[in-house]
Amino acid sequence: MKKQKKRGTYNLQNNFAEKFKTQLQRKKLLTDYIKHICSGYSDKSFTFCDMDTFIHYCKKYPNDFPTDIIEKARRERMLFWERIGIEGTTGKIPGYNSRSWEFNMKNRFKWSEKIELESRGNVVTSISFVERKNSIKELKEK
């Protein structure tokens, strides 16, 4: 009978499962991500890896994924969409649909028409606007 080999235990900090093992591969990942979002696309449509993986690499390899460059690219993504809104509103985009653009901005960048109030403690504030109707007596006096 042959003896079975025991499986060795692996260090939990290993890189065996990592898709982007080298610094060069991680640099390409960052470049692809920057190009993707500067073109106006969302994080969820990034096809090279999911955002959980990307965030993992950002935390594990902060020198390969500088946060200032990533944040600048995210601002450029917002600029991409805001530019469409301005150009569409000023008539520079034929067939521009402002409602569609507004809906897009609300979903992408959490734009809102509502003012959200947060209540702390047991104090409840209620504001009601009621139309005041004049009584018949008041109307006769006028």
N, C-alpha and C. Protein backbone atom coordinates (compact mmCIF):
# COMPACT_ATOMS: atom_id res chain seq x y z
N MET A 1 0.81 -1.18 0.00
CA MET A 1 0.00 0.00 0.00
C MET A 1 0.86 1.25 0.00
N LYS A 2 0.39 2.23 -0.80
CA LYS A 2 1.12 3.50 -0.84
C LYS A 2 0.64 4.40 0.28
N LYS A 3 1.57 5.10 0.82
CA LYS A 3 1.21 6.08 1.84
C LYS A 3 0.68 7.34 1.15
N GLN A 4 -0.37 7.88 1.69
CA GLN A 4 -0.89 9.14 1.15
C GLN A 4 -0.12 10.29 1.76
N LYS A 5 0.16 11.27 0.89
CA LYS A 5 0.86 12.45 1.38
C LYS A 5 -0.12 13.35 2.12
N LYS A 6 0.36 13.89 3.18
CA LYS A 6 -0.45 14.84 3.92
C LYS A 6 -0.39 16.18 3.21
N ARG A 7 -1.52 16.82 3.18
CA ARG A 7 -1.55 18.16 2.58
C ARG A 7 -0.90 19.14 3.54
N GLY A 8 -0.04 19.93 3.01
CA GLY A 8 0.60 20.95 3.83
C GLY A 8 -0.36 22.11 4.10
N THR A 9 -0.15 22.78 5.16
CA THR A 9 -0.96 23.95 5.44
C THR A 9 -0.27 25.14 4.80
N TYR A 10 -1.06 25.98 4.22
CA TYR A 10 -0.51 27.16 3.54
C TYR A 10 -0.68 28.38 4.42
N ASN A 11 0.24 29.28 4.26
CA ASN A 11 0.18 30.55 4.95
C ASN A 11 -1.06 31.31 4.44
N LEU A 12 -1.86 31.81 5.33
CA LEU A 12 -3.07 32.53 4.94
C LEU A 12 -2.76 33.81 4.18
N GLN A 13 -1.56 34.30 4.28
CA GLN A 13 -1.18 35.53 3.59
C GLN A 13 -0.57 35.24 2.21
N ASN A 14 -0.81 34.07 1.67
CA ASN A 14 -0.19 33.71 0.39
C ASN A 14 -0.83 34.48 -0.76
N ASN A 15 -0.17 34.44 -1.91
CA ASN A 15 -0.67 35.12 -3.10
C ASN A 15 -1.11 34.13 -4.17
N PHE A 16 -1.32 32.87 -3.81
CA PHE A 16 -1.63 31.85 -4.80
C PHE A 16 -2.91 32.16 -5.58
N ALA A 17 -3.91 32.66 -4.90
CA ALA A 17 -5.20 32.91 -5.55
C ALA A 17 -5.27 34.28 -6.23
N GLU A 18 -4.29 35.10 -6.02
CA GLU A 18 -4.33 36.45 -6.60
C GLU A 18 -4.18 36.40 -8.11
N LYS A 19 -5.03 37.13 -8.77
CA LYS A 19 -5.00 37.19 -10.23
C LYS A 19 -3.89 38.13 -10.71
N PHE A 20 -3.64 39.20 -9.97
CA PHE A 20 -2.66 40.21 -10.35
C PHE A 20 -1.50 40.14 -9.36
N LYS A 21 -0.59 39.22 -9.60
CA LYS A 21 0.47 38.92 -8.64
C LYS A 21 1.64 39.89 -8.70
N THR A 22 1.94 40.41 -9.87
CA THR A 22 3.12 41.26 -10.00
C THR A 22 2.73 42.73 -9.99
N GLN A 23 3.71 43.56 -9.71
CA GLN A 23 3.48 44.99 -9.70
C GLN A 23 3.07 45.48 -11.10
N LEU A 24 3.65 44.89 -12.13
CA LEU A 24 3.31 45.26 -13.50
C LEU A 24 1.84 44.93 -13.82
N GLN A 25 1.37 43.79 -13.37
CA GLN A 25 -0.03 43.41 -13.57
C GLN A 25 -0.97 44.34 -12.81
N ARG A 26 -0.57 44.72 -11.60
CA ARG A 26 -1.40 45.64 -10.81
C ARG A 26 -1.41 47.03 -11.43
N LYS A 27 -0.30 47.45 -12.01
CA LYS A 27 -0.24 48.76 -12.68
C LYS A 27 -1.20 48.77 -13.87
N LYS A 28 -1.24 47.67 -14.63
CA LYS A 28 -2.16 47.57 -15.76
C LYS A 28 -3.61 47.58 -15.27
N LEU A 29 -3.88 46.90 -14.17
CA LEU A 29 -5.22 46.90 -13.59
C LEU A 29 -5.65 48.32 -13.25
N LEU A 30 -4.76 49.07 -12.59
CA LEU A 30 -5.07 50.45 -12.22
C LEU A 30 -5.30 51.30 -13.48
N THR A 31 -4.44 51.16 -14.46
CA THR A 31 -4.57 51.92 -15.71
C THR A 31 -5.89 51.62 -16.40
N ASP A 32 -6.25 50.34 -16.45
CA ASP A 32 -7.53 49.94 -17.07
C ASP A 32 -8.71 50.51 -16.30
N TYR A 33 -8.62 50.50 -14.97
CA TYR A 33 -9.70 51.04 -14.15
C TYR A 33 -9.86 52.55 -14.37
N ILE A 34 -8.74 53.26 -14.37
CA ILE A 34 -8.76 54.72 -14.57
C ILE A 34 -9.38 55.04 -15.94
N LYS A 35 -8.95 54.35 -16.96
CA LYS A 35 -9.48 54.56 -18.31
C LYS A 35 -10.98 54.28 -18.33
N HIS A 36 -11.41 53.23 -17.67
CA HIS A 36 -12.82 52.83 -17.62
C HIS A 36 -13.68 53.92 -16.99
N ILE A 37 -13.29 54.38 -15.82
CA ILE A 37 -14.17 55.34 -15.14
C ILE A 37 -14.06 56.75 -15.72
N CYS A 38 -12.92 57.11 -16.28
CA CYS A 38 -12.81 58.42 -16.92
C CYS A 38 -13.67 58.49 -18.19
N SER A 39 -14.03 57.33 -18.72
CA SER A 39 -14.92 57.28 -19.89
C SER A 39 -16.38 57.37 -19.47
N GLY A 40 -16.64 57.49 -18.17
CA GLY A 40 -17.99 57.66 -17.67
C GLY A 40 -18.66 56.40 -17.18
N TYR A 41 -17.97 55.27 -17.26
CA TYR A 41 -18.57 54.00 -16.86
C TYR A 41 -18.55 53.83 -15.34
N SER A 42 -19.46 52.99 -14.85
CA SER A 42 -19.58 52.76 -13.41
C SER A 42 -18.57 51.71 -12.95
N ASP A 43 -18.36 51.66 -11.63
CA ASP A 43 -17.49 50.64 -11.04
C ASP A 43 -18.02 49.24 -11.31
N LYS A 44 -19.34 49.09 -11.27
CA LYS A 44 -19.94 47.76 -11.41
C LYS A 44 -19.74 47.17 -12.80
N SER A 45 -19.51 48.01 -13.80
CA SER A 45 -19.33 47.49 -15.15
C SER A 45 -17.85 47.25 -15.49
N PHE A 46 -16.97 47.39 -14.53
CA PHE A 46 -15.54 47.12 -14.74
C PHE A 46 -15.36 45.61 -14.84
N THR A 47 -14.91 45.13 -16.01
CA THR A 47 -14.91 43.70 -16.28
C THR A 47 -13.63 42.96 -15.88
N PHE A 48 -12.56 43.67 -15.57
CA PHE A 48 -11.30 42.99 -15.26
C PHE A 48 -11.34 42.29 -13.91
N CYS A 49 -12.09 42.85 -12.98
CA CYS A 49 -12.30 42.22 -11.67
C CYS A 49 -13.46 42.94 -11.00
N ASP A 50 -14.04 42.31 -9.98
CA ASP A 50 -15.14 42.97 -9.28
C ASP A 50 -14.57 44.01 -8.32
N MET A 51 -15.44 44.86 -7.81
CA MET A 51 -14.96 45.97 -6.97
C MET A 51 -14.43 45.49 -5.62
N ASP A 52 -14.94 44.39 -5.09
CA ASP A 52 -14.40 43.86 -3.84
C ASP A 52 -12.93 43.49 -4.03
N THR A 53 -12.62 42.86 -5.15
CA THR A 53 -11.24 42.49 -5.46
C THR A 53 -10.39 43.73 -5.65
N PHE A 54 -10.91 44.71 -6.39
CA PHE A 54 -10.16 45.94 -6.63
C PHE A 54 -9.86 46.65 -5.31
N ILE A 55 -10.85 46.74 -4.44
CA ILE A 55 -10.66 47.39 -3.13
C ILE A 55 -9.65 46.61 -2.30
N HIS A 56 -9.69 45.28 -2.38
CA HIS A 56 -8.71 44.44 -1.68
C HIS A 56 -7.29 44.79 -2.13
N TYR A 57 -7.08 44.93 -3.44
CA TYR A 57 -5.76 45.28 -3.95
C TYR A 57 -5.35 46.69 -3.51
N CYS A 58 -6.31 47.60 -3.49
CA CYS A 58 -6.01 48.97 -3.05
C CYS A 58 -5.50 48.99 -1.60
N LYS A 59 -6.12 48.15 -0.76
CA LYS A 59 -5.71 48.09 0.64
C LYS A 59 -4.39 47.34 0.83
N LYS A 60 -4.25 46.24 0.09
CA LYS A 60 -3.07 45.39 0.26
C LYS A 60 -1.82 45.99 -0.37
N TYR A 61 -2.00 46.73 -1.48
CA TYR A 61 -0.87 47.32 -2.21
C TYR A 61 -1.10 48.82 -2.40
N PRO A 62 -1.07 49.59 -1.31
CA PRO A 62 -1.37 51.02 -1.43
C PRO A 62 -0.39 51.78 -2.33
N ASN A 63 0.84 51.31 -2.45
CA ASN A 63 1.80 51.99 -3.32
C ASN A 63 1.47 51.78 -4.80
N ASP A 64 0.82 50.67 -5.12
CA ASP A 64 0.44 50.39 -6.51
C ASP A 64 -0.89 51.03 -6.89
N PHE A 65 -1.68 51.41 -5.88
CA PHE A 65 -3.00 51.99 -6.13
C PHE A 65 -3.15 53.29 -5.34
N PRO A 66 -2.48 54.37 -5.79
CA PRO A 66 -2.55 55.64 -5.05
C PRO A 66 -3.97 56.21 -5.02
N THR A 67 -4.45 56.48 -3.82
CA THR A 67 -5.83 56.94 -3.67
C THR A 67 -6.07 58.29 -4.34
N ASP A 68 -5.07 59.15 -4.39
CA ASP A 68 -5.27 60.46 -5.01
C ASP A 68 -5.55 60.32 -6.51
N ILE A 69 -4.89 59.39 -7.17
CA ILE A 69 -5.12 59.17 -8.60
C ILE A 69 -6.52 58.58 -8.83
N ILE A 70 -6.91 57.65 -7.98
CA ILE A 70 -8.23 57.02 -8.10
C ILE A 70 -9.33 58.05 -7.86
N GLU A 71 -9.20 58.87 -6.84
CA GLU A 71 -10.21 59.89 -6.54
C GLU A 71 -10.29 60.93 -7.66
N LYS A 72 -9.17 61.30 -8.23
CA LYS A 72 -9.16 62.24 -9.36
C LYS A 72 -9.92 61.64 -10.54
N ALA A 73 -9.71 60.38 -10.82
CA ALA A 73 -10.41 59.72 -11.92
C ALA A 73 -11.92 59.66 -11.65
N ARG A 74 -12.29 59.46 -10.41
CA ARG A 74 -13.73 59.43 -10.07
C ARG A 74 -14.36 60.81 -10.24
N ARG A 75 -13.59 61.85 -9.93
CA ARG A 75 -14.09 63.22 -10.17
C ARG A 75 -14.22 63.47 -11.67
N GLU A 76 -13.28 62.95 -12.45
CA GLU A 76 -13.36 63.10 -13.91
C GLU A 76 -14.58 62.37 -14.47
N ARG A 77 -14.94 61.25 -13.85
CA ARG A 77 -16.15 60.53 -14.28
C ARG A 77 -17.37 61.43 -14.06
N MET A 78 -17.45 62.08 -12.90
CA MET A 78 -18.57 62.98 -12.63
C MET A 78 -18.55 64.15 -13.61
N LEU A 79 -17.36 64.67 -13.90
CA LEU A 79 -17.23 65.76 -14.86
C LEU A 79 -17.74 65.32 -16.23
N PHE A 80 -17.45 64.10 -16.64
CA PHE A 80 -17.93 63.55 -17.91
C PHE A 80 -19.45 63.68 -18.00
N TRP A 81 -20.14 63.25 -16.95
CA TRP A 81 -21.60 63.28 -16.95
C TRP A 81 -22.16 64.69 -16.80
N GLU A 82 -21.51 65.51 -15.99
CA GLU A 82 -21.98 66.88 -15.83
C GLU A 82 -21.81 67.66 -17.13
N ARG A 83 -20.75 67.40 -17.86
CA ARG A 83 -20.52 68.05 -19.15
C ARG A 83 -21.65 67.70 -20.12
N ILE A 84 -22.09 66.44 -20.11
CA ILE A 84 -23.21 66.04 -20.96
C ILE A 84 -24.45 66.85 -20.58
N GLY A 85 -24.69 67.02 -19.29
CA GLY A 85 -25.85 67.78 -18.83
C GLY A 85 -25.80 69.22 -19.29
N ILE A 86 -24.64 69.84 -19.19
CA ILE A 86 -24.50 71.24 -19.60
C ILE A 86 -24.65 71.38 -21.11
N GLU A 87 -23.98 70.51 -21.84
CA GLU A 87 -24.06 70.60 -23.31
C GLU A 87 -25.47 70.28 -23.80
N GLY A 88 -26.12 69.33 -23.17
CA GLY A 88 -27.49 69.00 -23.55
C GLY A 88 -28.45 70.12 -23.24
N THR A 89 -28.31 70.73 -22.08
CA THR A 89 -29.20 71.81 -21.67
C THR A 89 -29.03 73.04 -22.55
N THR A 90 -27.83 73.28 -23.03
CA THR A 90 -27.58 74.45 -23.87
C THR A 90 -27.81 74.17 -25.35
N GLY A 91 -28.35 72.98 -25.68
CA GLY A 91 -28.73 72.68 -27.06
C GLY A 91 -27.62 72.15 -27.94
N LYS A 92 -26.50 71.76 -27.36
CA LYS A 92 -25.38 71.28 -28.16
C LYS A 92 -25.46 69.78 -28.47
N ILE A 93 -26.41 69.07 -27.86
CA ILE A 93 -26.59 67.64 -28.12
C ILE A 93 -27.99 67.44 -28.71
N PRO A 94 -28.06 67.11 -29.99
CA PRO A 94 -29.38 66.88 -30.59
C PRO A 94 -30.08 65.69 -29.94
N GLY A 95 -31.36 65.84 -29.68
CA GLY A 95 -32.15 64.76 -29.09
C GLY A 95 -31.87 64.52 -27.62
N TYR A 96 -31.24 65.46 -26.96
CA TYR A 96 -30.90 65.33 -25.54
C TYR A 96 -32.16 65.15 -24.71
N ASN A 97 -32.15 64.21 -23.79
CA ASN A 97 -33.29 63.93 -22.93
C ASN A 97 -32.90 64.29 -21.50
N SER A 98 -33.35 65.43 -21.05
CA SER A 98 -32.95 65.92 -19.72
C SER A 98 -33.46 65.03 -18.60
N ARG A 99 -34.64 64.46 -18.78
CA ARG A 99 -35.19 63.59 -17.74
C ARG A 99 -34.35 62.33 -17.58
N SER A 100 -33.92 61.77 -18.69
CA SER A 100 -33.06 60.59 -18.66
C SER A 100 -31.72 60.92 -17.98
N TRP A 101 -31.17 62.09 -18.32
CA TRP A 101 -29.90 62.51 -17.72
C TRP A 101 -30.06 62.70 -16.21
N GLU A 102 -31.15 63.32 -15.80
CA GLU A 102 -31.42 63.55 -14.38
C GLU A 102 -31.53 62.22 -13.64
N PHE A 103 -32.25 61.28 -14.21
CA PHE A 103 -32.41 59.96 -13.62
C PHE A 103 -31.03 59.27 -13.49
N ASN A 104 -30.23 59.41 -14.50
CA ASN A 104 -28.87 58.85 -14.51
C ASN A 104 -28.04 59.44 -13.36
N MET A 105 -28.09 60.74 -13.20
CA MET A 105 -27.31 61.39 -12.16
C MET A 105 -27.78 61.00 -10.75
N LYS A 106 -29.07 60.84 -10.58
CA LYS A 106 -29.60 60.43 -9.28
C LYS A 106 -29.10 59.03 -8.92
N ASN A 107 -29.07 58.14 -9.91
CA ASN A 107 -28.62 56.78 -9.65
C ASN A 107 -27.11 56.69 -9.50
N ARG A 108 -26.37 57.38 -10.32
CA ARG A 108 -24.91 57.29 -10.29
C ARG A 108 -24.29 58.01 -9.10
N PHE A 109 -24.77 59.21 -8.84
CA PHE A 109 -24.10 60.07 -7.87
C PHE A 109 -24.96 60.46 -6.68
N LYS A 110 -26.07 59.73 -6.50
CA LYS A 110 -26.96 59.91 -5.34
C LYS A 110 -27.52 61.33 -5.27
N TRP A 111 -27.75 61.93 -6.43
CA TRP A 111 -28.40 63.23 -6.44
C TRP A 111 -29.81 63.07 -5.92
N SER A 112 -30.34 64.11 -5.26
CA SER A 112 -31.66 64.00 -4.67
C SER A 112 -32.36 65.35 -4.71
N GLU A 113 -33.66 65.32 -4.85
CA GLU A 113 -34.46 66.54 -4.78
C GLU A 113 -34.97 66.77 -3.36
N LYS A 114 -34.89 65.76 -2.54
CA LYS A 114 -35.42 65.82 -1.19
C LYS A 114 -34.34 66.26 -0.22
N ILE A 115 -34.76 66.93 0.80
CA ILE A 115 -33.86 67.25 1.89
C ILE A 115 -34.11 66.20 2.97
N GLU A 116 -33.07 65.47 3.30
CA GLU A 116 -33.24 64.42 4.30
C GLU A 116 -32.82 64.96 5.66
N LEU A 117 -33.75 64.85 6.61
CA LEU A 117 -33.50 65.31 7.97
C LEU A 117 -33.28 64.11 8.86
N GLU A 118 -32.33 64.24 9.73
CA GLU A 118 -32.06 63.15 10.65
C GLU A 118 -32.48 63.59 12.04
N SER A 119 -33.26 62.77 12.71
CA SER A 119 -33.73 63.08 14.04
C SER A 119 -32.84 62.40 15.07
N ARG A 120 -32.45 63.12 16.08
CA ARG A 120 -31.65 62.55 17.17
C ARG A 120 -32.40 62.77 18.46
N GLY A 121 -32.46 61.76 19.26
CA GLY A 121 -33.17 61.88 20.52
C GLY A 121 -34.66 61.64 20.33
N ASN A 122 -35.44 62.10 21.29
CA ASN A 122 -36.88 61.86 21.26
C ASN A 122 -37.66 63.05 20.74
N VAL A 123 -36.99 64.04 20.22
CA VAL A 123 -37.66 65.24 19.73
C VAL A 123 -38.18 64.96 18.33
N VAL A 124 -39.47 65.19 18.15
CA VAL A 124 -40.07 65.00 16.84
C VAL A 124 -40.57 66.35 16.37
N THR A 125 -40.16 66.75 15.20
CA THR A 125 -40.57 68.03 14.65
C THR A 125 -41.46 67.76 13.45
N SER A 126 -42.56 68.44 13.41
CA SER A 126 -43.48 68.26 12.30
C SER A 126 -43.83 69.63 11.75
N ILE A 127 -43.73 69.77 10.43
CA ILE A 127 -44.09 71.02 9.79
C ILE A 127 -45.24 70.72 8.84
N SER A 128 -46.32 71.44 9.01
CA SER A 128 -47.47 71.23 8.14
C SER A 128 -47.84 72.54 7.47
N PHE A 129 -48.16 72.48 6.21
CA PHE A 129 -48.63 73.64 5.48
C PHE A 129 -50.10 73.41 5.19
N VAL A 130 -50.93 74.31 5.74
CA VAL A 130 -52.37 74.16 5.60
C VAL A 130 -52.91 75.42 4.94
N GLU A 131 -53.73 75.22 3.94
CA GLU A 131 -54.36 76.36 3.28
C GLU A 131 -55.44 76.90 4.19
N ARG A 132 -55.40 78.17 4.46
CA ARG A 132 -56.39 78.78 5.34
C ARG A 132 -57.56 79.25 4.49
N LYS A 133 -58.73 78.78 4.83
CA LYS A 133 -59.93 79.19 4.12
C LYS A 133 -60.66 80.23 4.95
N ASN A 134 -61.01 81.27 4.29
CA ASN A 134 -61.75 82.33 4.99
C ASN A 134 -63.16 81.85 5.29
N SER A 135 -63.62 82.22 6.45
CA SER A 135 -65.00 81.87 6.80
C SER A 135 -65.95 82.81 6.06
N ILE A 136 -67.22 82.45 5.98
CA ILE A 136 -68.22 83.26 5.30
C ILE A 136 -68.31 84.63 5.95
N LYS A 137 -68.18 84.68 7.27
CA LYS A 137 -68.25 85.95 8.00
C LYS A 137 -67.10 86.87 7.58
N GLU A 138 -65.88 86.32 7.47
CA GLU A 138 -64.74 87.13 7.05
C GLU A 138 -64.90 87.62 5.63
N LEU A 139 -65.48 86.81 4.74
CA LEU A 139 -65.67 87.22 3.36
C LEU A 139 -66.69 88.36 3.25
N LYS A 140 -67.73 88.31 4.08
CA LYS A 140 -68.76 89.36 4.06
C LYS A 140 -68.20 90.68 4.57
N GLU A 141 -67.26 90.63 5.52
CA GLU A 141 -66.68 91.84 6.08
C GLU A 141 -65.77 92.54 5.08
N LYS A 142 -65.23 91.83 4.12
CA LYS A 142 -64.31 92.42 3.13
C LYS A 142 -65.08 93.16 2.14
